[in-house]
C-alpha atoms as a PDB file:
ATOM      1  CA  MET A   1       0.000   0.000   0.000  1.00  0.00           C
ATOM      2  CA  HIS A   2       1.134   3.546  -0.683  1.00  0.00           C
ATOM      3  CA  SER A   3       2.144   6.034   1.992  1.00  0.00           C
ATOM      4  CA  ARG A   4       2.225   9.687   0.893  1.00  0.00           C
ATOM      5  CA  PHE A   5       1.756  10.646  -2.720  1.00  0.00           C
ATOM      6  CA  ILE A   6       0.155  12.956  -5.258  1.00  0.00           C
ATOM      7  CA  GLY A   7      -3.002  11.446  -6.734  1.00  0.00           C
ATOM      8  CA  ILE A   8      -4.045  12.195 -10.302  1.00  0.00           C
ATOM      9  CA  PHE A   9      -7.159  10.792 -11.922  1.00  0.00           C
ATOM     10  CA  ASP A  10      -9.185  11.079 -15.095  1.00  0.00           C
ATOM     11  CA  SER A  11     -12.031   9.254 -16.794  1.00  0.00           C
ATOM     12  CA  GLY A  12      -9.309   7.429 -18.708  1.00  0.00           C
ATOM     13  CA  VAL A  13      -5.921   8.026 -20.295  1.00  0.00           C
ATOM     14  CA  GLY A  14      -6.370  11.699 -21.234  1.00  0.00           C
ATOM     15  CA  GLY A  15      -5.104  12.875 -17.857  1.00  0.00           C
ATOM     16  CA  LEU A  16      -1.713  11.403 -18.695  1.00  0.00           C
ATOM     17  CA  ALA A  17      -1.017  14.755 -20.358  1.00  0.00           C
ATOM     18  CA  VAL A  18      -1.329  16.398 -16.955  1.00  0.00           C
ATOM     19  CA  TYR A  19       0.620  13.596 -15.298  1.00  0.00           C
ATOM     20  CA  ARG A  20       3.457  14.006 -17.808  1.00  0.00           C
ATOM     21  CA  ALA A  21       3.684  17.732 -17.108  1.00  0.00           C
ATOM     22  CA  ALA A  22       3.577  17.174 -13.336  1.00  0.00           C
ATOM     23  CA  ARG A  23       6.225  14.458 -13.516  1.00  0.00           C
ATOM     24  CA  GLU A  24       8.556  16.763 -15.456  1.00  0.00           C
ATOM     25  CA  LEU A  25       8.052  19.594 -12.989  1.00  0.00           C
ATOM     26  CA  LEU A  26       8.209  17.391  -9.872  1.00  0.00           C
ATOM     27  CA  PRO A  27      10.546  14.541 -10.842  1.00  0.00           C
ATOM     28  CA  HIS A  28      11.217  13.485  -7.245  1.00  0.00           C
ATOM     29  CA  SER A  29       7.612  13.139  -6.126  1.00  0.00           C
ATOM     30  CA  ALA A  30       5.526  10.015  -5.658  1.00  0.00           C
ATOM     31  CA  PHE A  31       2.532   9.791  -8.001  1.00  0.00           C
ATOM     32  CA  VAL A  32      -0.487   7.527  -8.231  1.00  0.00           C
ATOM     33  CA  TYR A  33      -2.561   7.782 -11.406  1.00  0.00           C
ATOM     34  CA  VAL A  34      -6.067   6.330 -11.704  1.00  0.00           C
ATOM     35  CA  ALA A  35      -7.799   5.926 -15.066  1.00  0.00           C
ATOM     36  CA  ASP A  36     -11.518   5.287 -14.613  1.00  0.00           C
ATOM     37  CA  SER A  37     -11.523   3.441 -17.929  1.00  0.00           C
ATOM     38  CA  GLY A  38     -14.048   0.863 -16.800  1.00  0.00           C
ATOM     39  CA  PHE A  39     -16.682   3.571 -16.359  1.00  0.00           C
ATOM     40  CA  ALA A  40     -15.658   5.967 -19.133  1.00  0.00           C
ATOM     41  CA  PRO A  41     -16.528   8.089 -20.972  1.00  0.00           C
ATOM     42  CA  TYR A  42     -17.743  10.889 -18.706  1.00  0.00           C
ATOM     43  CA  GLY A  43     -18.496  13.390 -21.451  1.00  0.00           C
ATOM     44  CA  ASP A  44     -22.094  12.363 -22.146  1.00  0.00           C
ATOM     45  CA  ARG A  45     -23.020  11.161 -18.637  1.00  0.00           C
ATOM     46  CA  GLU A  46     -25.391  12.853 -16.218  1.00  0.00           C
ATOM     47  CA  PRO A  47     -23.662  15.121 -13.659  1.00  0.00           C
ATOM     48  CA  ARG A  48     -24.650  12.949 -10.680  1.00  0.00           C
ATOM     49  CA  TYR A  49     -23.161   9.856 -12.286  1.00  0.00           C
ATOM     50  CA  ILE A  50     -19.900  11.721 -12.846  1.00  0.00           C
ATOM     51  CA  ALA A  51     -19.905  13.109  -9.314  1.00  0.00           C
ATOM     52  CA  ASN A  52     -20.436   9.662  -7.798  1.00  0.00           C
ATOM     53  CA  ARG A  53     -17.506   8.240  -9.772  1.00  0.00           C
ATOM     54  CA  VAL A  54     -15.216  11.130  -8.880  1.00  0.00           C
ATOM     55  CA  ILE A  55     -16.118  11.015  -5.183  1.00  0.00           C
ATOM     56  CA  GLU A  56     -15.520   7.266  -5.030  1.00  0.00           C
ATOM     57  CA  ILE A  57     -12.081   7.579  -6.640  1.00  0.00           C
ATOM     58  CA  THR A  58     -11.141  10.567  -4.514  1.00  0.00           C
ATOM     59  CA  ASP A  59     -12.135   8.798  -1.289  1.00  0.00           C
ATOM     60  CA  ALA A  60     -10.052   5.767  -2.289  1.00  0.00           C
ATOM     61  CA  LEU A  61      -6.986   7.897  -3.040  1.00  0.00           C
ATOM     62  CA  VAL A  62      -7.283   9.870   0.195  1.00  0.00           C
ATOM     63  CA  LYS A  63      -7.698   6.650   2.178  1.00  0.00           C
ATOM     64  CA  SER A  64      -4.563   5.274   0.518  1.00  0.00           C
ATOM     65  CA  GLY A  65      -2.449   8.294   1.515  1.00  0.00           C
ATOM     66  CA  ALA A  66      -2.898  11.041  -1.085  1.00  0.00           C
ATOM     67  CA  GLN A  67      -1.630  14.395   0.168  1.00  0.00           C
ATOM     68  CA  ALA A  68      -2.780  16.323  -2.903  1.00  0.00           C
ATOM     69  CA  LEU A  69      -5.167  15.529  -5.745  1.00  0.00           C
ATOM     70  CA  VAL A  70      -5.344  16.596  -9.365  1.00  0.00           C
ATOM     71  CA  ILE A  71      -8.624  16.166 -11.234  1.00  0.00           C
ATOM     72  CA  ALA A  72      -7.120  15.788 -14.703  1.00  0.00           C
ATOM     73  CA  CYS A  73     -10.521  15.917 -16.388  1.00  0.00           C
ATOM     74  CA  ASN A  74     -12.441  19.020 -17.426  1.00  0.00           C
ATOM     75  CA  THR A  75     -15.817  17.286 -17.187  1.00  0.00           C
ATOM     76  CA  ALA A  76     -15.122  15.960 -13.687  1.00  0.00           C
ATOM     77  CA  THR A  77     -13.843  19.354 -12.554  1.00  0.00           C
ATOM     78  CA  VAL A  78     -16.811  21.414 -13.739  1.00  0.00           C
ATOM     79  CA  THR A  79     -19.294  18.983 -12.204  1.00  0.00           C
ATOM     80  CA  THR A  80     -17.642  18.014  -8.916  1.00  0.00           C
ATOM     81  CA  VAL A  81     -14.648  20.092  -7.771  1.00  0.00           C
ATOM     82  CA  SER A  82     -16.634  22.274  -5.345  1.00  0.00           C
ATOM     83  CA  GLU A  83     -18.138  19.212  -3.693  1.00  0.00           C
ATOM     84  CA  LEU A  84     -14.717  17.604  -3.315  1.00  0.00           C
ATOM     85  CA  ARG A  85     -13.137  20.694  -1.802  1.00  0.00           C
ATOM     86  CA  ALA A  86     -15.953  20.919   0.725  1.00  0.00           C
ATOM     87  CA  LYS A  87     -15.361  17.309   1.739  1.00  0.00           C
ATOM     88  CA  HIS A  88     -11.537  17.110   1.835  1.00  0.00           C
ATOM     89  CA  ALA A  89      -8.998  19.490   3.389  1.00  0.00           C
ATOM     90  CA  LEU A  90      -6.065  18.547   1.154  1.00  0.00           C
ATOM     91  CA  PRO A  91      -5.159  20.569  -1.966  1.00  0.00           C
ATOM     92  CA  ILE A  92      -7.393  19.679  -4.921  1.00  0.00           C
ATOM     93  CA  ILE A  93      -6.370  21.075  -8.289  1.00  0.00           C
ATOM     94  CA  GLY A  94      -8.881  20.946 -11.095  1.00  0.00           C
ATOM     95  CA  ILE A  95      -8.748  21.715 -14.794  1.00  0.00           C
ATOM     96  CA  GLU A  96     -11.181  23.855 -16.759  1.00  0.00           C
ATOM     97  CA  PRO A  97     -11.173  25.086 -20.364  1.00  0.00           C
ATOM     98  CA  ALA A  98      -8.581  27.882 -20.598  1.00  0.00           C
ATOM     99  CA  ILE A  99     -11.017  30.573 -21.716  1.00  0.00           C
ATOM    100  CA  LYS A 100      -9.402  33.423 -19.784  1.00  0.00           C
ATOM    101  CA  PRO A 101      -5.926  32.987 -21.350  1.00  0.00           C
ATOM    102  CA  ALA A 102      -7.539  32.410 -24.733  1.00  0.00           C
ATOM    103  CA  THR A 103      -9.254  35.798 -24.661  1.00  0.00           C
ATOM    104  CA  ALA A 104      -5.955  37.403 -23.664  1.00  0.00           C
ATOM    105  CA  LEU A 105      -4.080  35.757 -26.537  1.00  0.00           C
ATOM    106  CA  SER A 106      -6.639  36.202 -29.281  1.00  0.00           C
ATOM    107  CA  THR A 107      -6.111  39.210 -31.532  1.00  0.00           C
ATOM    108  CA  ARG A 108      -9.272  38.606 -33.563  1.00  0.00           C
ATOM    109  CA  GLY A 109     -11.500  37.786 -30.619  1.00  0.00           C
ATOM    110  CA  LYS A 110     -12.524  34.522 -32.262  1.00  0.00           C
ATOM    111  CA  ILE A 111     -12.056  31.424 -30.133  1.00  0.00           C
ATOM    112  CA  VAL A 112     -13.182  27.817 -30.418  1.00  0.00           C
ATOM    113  CA  VAL A 113     -13.223  25.488 -27.412  1.00  0.00           C
ATOM    114  CA  LEU A 114     -13.083  21.771 -28.223  1.00  0.00           C
ATOM    115  CA  THR A 115     -14.727  19.919 -25.371  1.00  0.00           C
ATOM    116  CA  THR A 116     -17.174  17.233 -24.303  1.00  0.00           C
ATOM    117  CA  GLN A 117     -20.929  17.688 -24.361  1.00  0.00           C
ATOM    118  CA  ARG A 118     -21.206  17.768 -20.563  1.00  0.00           C
ATOM    119  CA  THR A 119     -18.450  20.359 -20.189  1.00  0.00           C
ATOM    120  CA  ALA A 120     -19.934  22.535 -22.935  1.00  0.00           C
ATOM    121  CA  GLU A 121     -23.311  22.504 -21.165  1.00  0.00           C
ATOM    122  CA  SER A 122     -21.942  23.160 -17.673  1.00  0.00           C
ATOM    123  CA  ASP A 123     -22.684  26.245 -15.606  1.00  0.00           C
ATOM    124  CA  ALA A 124     -18.976  26.561 -14.837  1.00  0.00           C
ATOM    125  CA  VAL A 125     -18.051  27.048 -18.486  1.00  0.00           C
ATOM    126  CA  ALA A 126     -20.987  29.410 -19.010  1.00  0.00           C
ATOM    127  CA  ARG A 127     -19.627  31.549 -16.162  1.00  0.00           C
ATOM    128  CA  LEU A 128     -16.134  31.545 -17.685  1.00  0.00           C
ATOM    129  CA  CYS A 129     -17.512  32.700 -21.027  1.00  0.00           C
ATOM    130  CA  GLN A 130     -19.602  35.412 -19.385  1.00  0.00           C
ATOM    131  CA  ARG A 131     -16.736  36.639 -17.205  1.00  0.00           C
ATOM    132  CA  TYR A 132     -13.974  36.718 -19.792  1.00  0.00           C
ATOM    133  CA  GLY A 133     -15.616  36.522 -23.194  1.00  0.00           C
ATOM    134  CA  SER A 134     -17.739  39.658 -23.395  1.00  0.00           C
ATOM    135  CA  ASN A 135     -15.532  41.047 -26.170  1.00  0.00           C
ATOM    136  CA  SER A 136     -14.931  37.741 -27.946  1.00  0.00           C
ATOM    137  CA  HIS A 137     -16.811  35.331 -30.151  1.00  0.00           C
ATOM    138  CA  ILE A 138     -16.463  32.008 -28.323  1.00  0.00           C
ATOM    139  CA  VAL A 139     -17.738  28.807 -29.893  1.00  0.00           C
ATOM    140  CA  LEU A 140     -18.122  25.793 -27.585  1.00  0.00           C
ATOM    141  CA  GLN A 141     -17.641  22.834 -29.905  1.00  0.00           C
ATOM    142  CA  ALA A 142     -18.661  19.520 -28.337  1.00  0.00           C
ATOM    143  CA  CYS A 143     -16.763  16.591 -29.849  1.00  0.00           C
ATOM    144  CA  PRO A 144     -18.694  13.393 -29.080  1.00  0.00           C
ATOM    145  CA  GLY A 145     -16.730  10.237 -29.779  1.00  0.00           C
ATOM    146  CA  LEU A 146     -13.342  11.915 -30.164  1.00  0.00           C
ATOM    147  CA  ALA A 147     -12.046  11.055 -26.698  1.00  0.00           C
ATOM    148  CA  ASP A 148     -13.026   7.426 -27.308  1.00  0.00           C
ATOM    149  CA  TYR A 149     -10.464   7.169 -30.091  1.00  0.00           C
ATOM    150  CA  VAL A 150      -7.723   8.489 -27.816  1.00  0.00           C
ATOM    151  CA  GLU A 151      -8.870   6.083 -25.107  1.00  0.00           C
ATOM    152  CA  ALA A 152      -8.284   3.261 -27.579  1.00  0.00           C
ATOM    153  CA  GLY A 153      -4.865   4.627 -28.532  1.00  0.00           C
ATOM    154  CA  GLU A 154      -6.030   5.697 -31.987  1.00  0.00           C
ATOM    155  CA  VAL A 155      -4.545   9.170 -32.333  1.00  0.00           C
ATOM    156  CA  ASP A 156      -3.435   9.106 -35.947  1.00  0.00           C
ATOM    157  CA  SER A 157      -6.085   7.104 -37.800  1.00  0.00           C
ATOM    158  CA  ILE A 158      -8.062   8.186 -40.859  1.00  0.00           C
ATOM    159  CA  GLU A 159     -11.238   8.091 -38.750  1.00  0.00           C
ATOM    160  CA  VAL A 160      -9.775  10.505 -36.204  1.00  0.00           C
ATOM    161  CA  ASN A 161      -8.631  12.851 -38.971  1.00  0.00           C
ATOM    162  CA  GLU A 162     -12.110  12.899 -40.521  1.00  0.00           C
ATOM    163  CA  MET A 163     -13.744  13.516 -37.144  1.00  0.00           C
ATOM    164  CA  LEU A 164     -11.344  16.380 -36.452  1.00  0.00           C
ATOM    165  CA  LYS A 165     -12.191  17.965 -39.809  1.00  0.00           C
ATOM    166  CA  GLN A 166     -15.850  17.918 -38.810  1.00  0.00           C
ATOM    167  CA  TYR A 167     -15.304  19.387 -35.355  1.00  0.00           C
ATOM    168  CA  LEU A 168     -12.815  22.008 -36.561  1.00  0.00           C
ATOM    169  CA  ALA A 169     -15.107  23.264 -39.325  1.00  0.00           C
ATOM    170  CA  PRO A 170     -16.576  26.027 -37.082  1.00  0.00           C
ATOM    171  CA  ALA A 171     -13.062  27.240 -36.210  1.00  0.00           C
ATOM    172  CA  ILE A 172     -12.160  27.495 -39.877  1.00  0.00           C
ATOM    173  CA  ALA A 173     -15.516  29.078 -40.752  1.00  0.00           C
ATOM    174  CA  ILE A 174     -15.096  31.972 -38.298  1.00  0.00           C
ATOM    175  CA  ALA A 175     -11.314  32.245 -38.848  1.00  0.00           C
ATOM    176  CA  ALA A 176     -10.597  31.550 -35.185  1.00  0.00           C
ATOM    177  CA  ASP A 177      -7.081  32.409 -34.120  1.00  0.00           C
ATOM    178  CA  VAL A 178      -7.164  30.481 -30.809  1.00  0.00           C
ATOM    179  CA  ILE A 179      -8.338  26.934 -30.134  1.00  0.00           C
ATOM    180  CA  VAL A 180      -8.710  25.733 -26.553  1.00  0.00           C
ATOM    181  CA  LEU A 181      -8.407  22.033 -25.832  1.00  0.00           C
ATOM    182  CA  GLY A 182     -11.142  21.576 -23.247  1.00  0.00           C
ATOM    183  CA  CYS A 183     -10.636  17.843 -22.766  1.00  0.00           C
ATOM    184  CA  THR A 184      -7.326  16.345 -21.678  1.00  0.00           C
ATOM    185  CA  HIS A 185      -7.698  13.507 -24.187  1.00  0.00           C
ATOM    186  CA  PHE A 186      -7.435  16.041 -26.996  1.00  0.00           C
ATOM    187  CA  THR A 187      -3.888  16.959 -25.973  1.00  0.00           C
ATOM    188  CA  PHE A 188      -2.708  13.826 -27.730  1.00  0.00           C
ATOM    189  CA  LEU A 189      -4.272  15.130 -30.952  1.00  0.00           C
ATOM    190  CA  THR A 190      -2.504  18.503 -30.877  1.00  0.00           C
ATOM    191  CA  ALA A 191      -0.279  17.814 -33.877  1.00  0.00           C
ATOM    192  CA  GLN A 192      -3.223  16.678 -36.011  1.00  0.00           C
ATOM    193  CA  ILE A 193      -5.300  19.705 -34.979  1.00  0.00           C
ATOM    194  CA  GLN A 194      -2.448  22.100 -35.761  1.00  0.00           C
ATOM    195  CA  ARG A 195      -1.981  20.544 -39.161  1.00  0.00           C
ATOM    196  CA  LEU A 196      -5.656  21.005 -40.003  1.00  0.00           C
ATOM    197  CA  VAL A 197      -6.049  24.606 -38.797  1.00  0.00           C
ATOM    198  CA  GLY A 198      -2.639  25.851 -39.867  1.00  0.00           C
ATOM    199  CA  PRO A 199       0.396  27.264 -38.079  1.00  0.00           C
ATOM    200  CA  ASP A 200      -1.098  30.714 -37.426  1.00  0.00           C
ATOM    201  CA  VAL A 201      -3.720  29.370 -35.011  1.00  0.00           C
ATOM    202  CA  THR A 202      -2.682  29.163 -31.357  1.00  0.00           C
ATOM    203  CA  ILE A 203      -3.645  25.979 -29.527  1.00  0.00           C
ATOM    204  CA  ILE A 204      -3.961  26.255 -25.750  1.00  0.00           C
ATOM    205  CA  GLU A 205      -3.407  23.095 -23.718  1.00  0.00           C
ATOM    206  CA  PRO A 206      -3.371  23.713 -19.943  1.00  0.00           C
ATOM    207  CA  SER A 207      -1.446  20.706 -18.591  1.00  0.00           C
ATOM    208  CA  ILE A 208       1.675  22.731 -17.755  1.00  0.00           C
ATOM    209  CA  ALA A 209      -0.390  25.408 -16.007  1.00  0.00           C
ATOM    210  CA  VAL A 210      -2.113  22.741 -13.907  1.00  0.00           C
ATOM    211  CA  ALA A 211       1.247  21.198 -12.982  1.00  0.00           C
ATOM    212  CA  GLN A 212       2.555  24.614 -11.964  1.00  0.00           C
ATOM    213  CA  GLN A 213      -0.470  25.184  -9.753  1.00  0.00           C
ATOM    214  CA  LEU A 214       0.113  21.790  -8.146  1.00  0.00           C
ATOM    215  CA  ALA A 215       3.742  22.707  -7.445  1.00  0.00           C
ATOM    216  CA  ARG A 216       2.694  26.006  -5.846  1.00  0.00           C
ATOM    217  CA  GLN A 217       0.193  24.222  -3.599  1.00  0.00           C
ATOM    218  CA  LEU A 218       2.771  21.654  -2.508  1.00  0.00           C
ATOM    219  CA  VAL A 219       5.196  24.381  -1.440  1.00  0.00           C
ATOM    220  CA  LEU A 220       2.497  25.680   0.892  1.00  0.00           C
ATOM    221  CA  THR A 221       1.127  22.401   2.229  1.00  0.00           C
ATOM    222  CA  SER A 222       3.442  19.411   1.671  1.00  0.00           C
ATOM    223  CA  PRO A 223       6.942  20.451   0.560  1.00  0.00           C
ATOM    224  CA  ASP A 224       8.340  17.077   1.617  1.00  0.00           C
ATOM    225  CA  LEU A 225       6.427  15.384  -1.229  1.00  0.00           C
ATOM    226  CA  SER A 226       9.125  16.601  -3.611  1.00  0.00           C
ATOM    227  CA  HIS A 227      11.927  14.730  -1.807  1.00  0.00           C
ATOM    228  CA  GLU A 228      14.014  12.433  -3.969  1.00  0.00           C
ATOM    229  CA  ALA A 229      13.408   9.420  -1.727  1.00  0.00           C
ATOM    230  CA  CYS A 230       9.697   9.577  -2.599  1.00  0.00           C
ATOM    231  CA  ALA A 231      10.097   9.338  -6.382  1.00  0.00           C
ATOM    232  CA  THR A 232       7.727   6.598  -7.567  1.00  0.00           C
ATOM    233  CA  GLU A 233       4.873   6.196 -10.033  1.00  0.00           C
ATOM    234  CA  THR A 234       1.983   3.744  -9.968  1.00  0.00           C
ATOM    235  CA  PHE A 235      -0.804   3.454 -12.529  1.00  0.00           C
ATOM    236  CA  TYR A 236      -4.253   1.955 -11.981  1.00  0.00           C
ATOM    237  CA  THR A 237      -7.326   1.411 -14.119  1.00  0.00           C
ATOM    238  CA  THR A 238     -10.881   0.434 -13.289  1.00  0.00           C
ATOM    239  CA  ALA A 239     -10.973  -1.597 -16.509  1.00  0.00           C
ATOM    240  CA  LEU A 240     -10.505  -5.329 -16.003  1.00  0.00           C
ATOM    241  CA  ALA A 241      -8.406  -5.429 -19.187  1.00  0.00           C
ATOM    242  CA  SER A 242      -5.455  -3.683 -17.564  1.00  0.00           C
ATOM    243  CA  ASN A 243      -3.066  -5.029 -20.211  1.00  0.00           C
ATOM    244  CA  THR A 244      -4.994  -3.164 -22.897  1.00  0.00           C
ATOM    245  CA  VAL A 245      -4.846   0.064 -20.898  1.00  0.00           C
ATOM    246  CA  SER A 246      -1.133  -0.526 -20.335  1.00  0.00           C
ATOM    247  CA  THR A 247      -0.581  -0.758 -24.090  1.00  0.00           C
ATOM    248  CA  VAL A 248      -2.415   2.524 -24.713  1.00  0.00           C
ATOM    249  CA  MET A 249      -0.639   4.364 -21.885  1.00  0.00           C
ATOM    250  CA  SER A 250       2.718   3.111 -23.125  1.00  0.00           C
ATOM    251  CA  LYS A 251       1.938   4.442 -26.593  1.00  0.00           C
ATOM    252  CA  LEU A 252       0.824   7.850 -25.366  1.00  0.00           C
ATOM    253  CA  LEU A 253       3.747   8.323 -22.960  1.00  0.00           C
ATOM    254  CA  GLU A 254       6.210   6.695 -25.377  1.00  0.00           C
ATOM    255  CA  ARG A 255       7.675   4.385 -22.744  1.00  0.00           C
ATOM    256  CA  PRO A 256       6.638   1.108 -21.074  1.00  0.00           C
ATOM    257  CA  ILE A 257       3.915   1.583 -18.467  1.00  0.00           C
ATOM    258  CA  ASP A 258       2.683  -1.173 -16.163  1.00  0.00           C
ATOM    259  CA  VAL A 259      -0.946  -0.771 -15.103  1.00  0.00           C
ATOM    260  CA  LEU A 260      -2.661  -2.446 -12.162  1.00  0.00           C
ATOM    261  CA  THR A 261      -6.373  -2.991 -11.680  1.00  0.00           C
ATOM    262  CA  ALA A 262      -7.821  -0.457  -9.259  1.00  0.00           C
ATOM    263  CA  ASN A 263      -9.355  -3.099  -7.012  1.00  0.00           C
ATOM    264  CA  HIS A 264      -6.008  -2.781  -5.229  1.00  0.00           C
ATOM    265  CA  LEU A 265      -7.369   0.611  -4.112  1.00  0.00           C
ATOM    266  CA  GLY A 266     -10.757  -0.828  -3.205  1.00  0.00           C
ATOM    267  CA  LEU A 267     -12.408   0.381  -6.412  1.00  0.00           C
ATOM    268  CA  GLU A 268     -14.788  -1.659  -8.521  1.00  0.00           C
ATOM    269  CA  CYS A 269     -13.398  -2.778 -11.859  1.00  0.00           C
ATOM    270  CA  ARG A 270     -15.282  -3.915 -14.919  1.00  0.00           C
END
């Protein structure tokens, strides 16, 4: 069983983008990553279903020794982060579509946010658009099915390229100069997106910003978590086919990754 660590979780493998950034910034920390692959996707689920999953995973990580948590999922953050922070005293870092920095970077005031249906419909994102987007044209483009391809490790297939063309059509139509990746899975499609929209369009992916916020919180609350003696990484999935998840994670991180079933953390797997 683990002792003290940083917990990171997502509906699946998309949060590995955040994990990778955190690992680079905090190379001597202990990390535990949970992919809720057995219950994914979150993007088209009802908010209460998502909240129940997130609370169950969070409780398991805290019970196992997590000293800080990162919700590496936009959908989980916009539906549940307030509830989690009310329940747990440890630092909880979430991730939301980077609408504020997008409005600051855009010179044309034309922004497209690629996201899931649930995130696009959330009150949290509506508030972000209202607060920061009064002088911008912001299009919230839901991308159903796209995260599923990444979850299966298909990031460069013809099917993914065709789906991206469909979902990027609004960005091209309005001549958007900034695209926000509002789902961590989409980070692994950045090169394909850039190729389709052209080099003059800025793509915002917030994994580094989330990792930096985590590092700032650790300085204040648990500076010892960055000690060299703690440097470990453990990966779990709620999918029974952990070997399949291991193959996908290894492809996305470009190195061998061993994945355990999350019943070791007391979580249901299927």
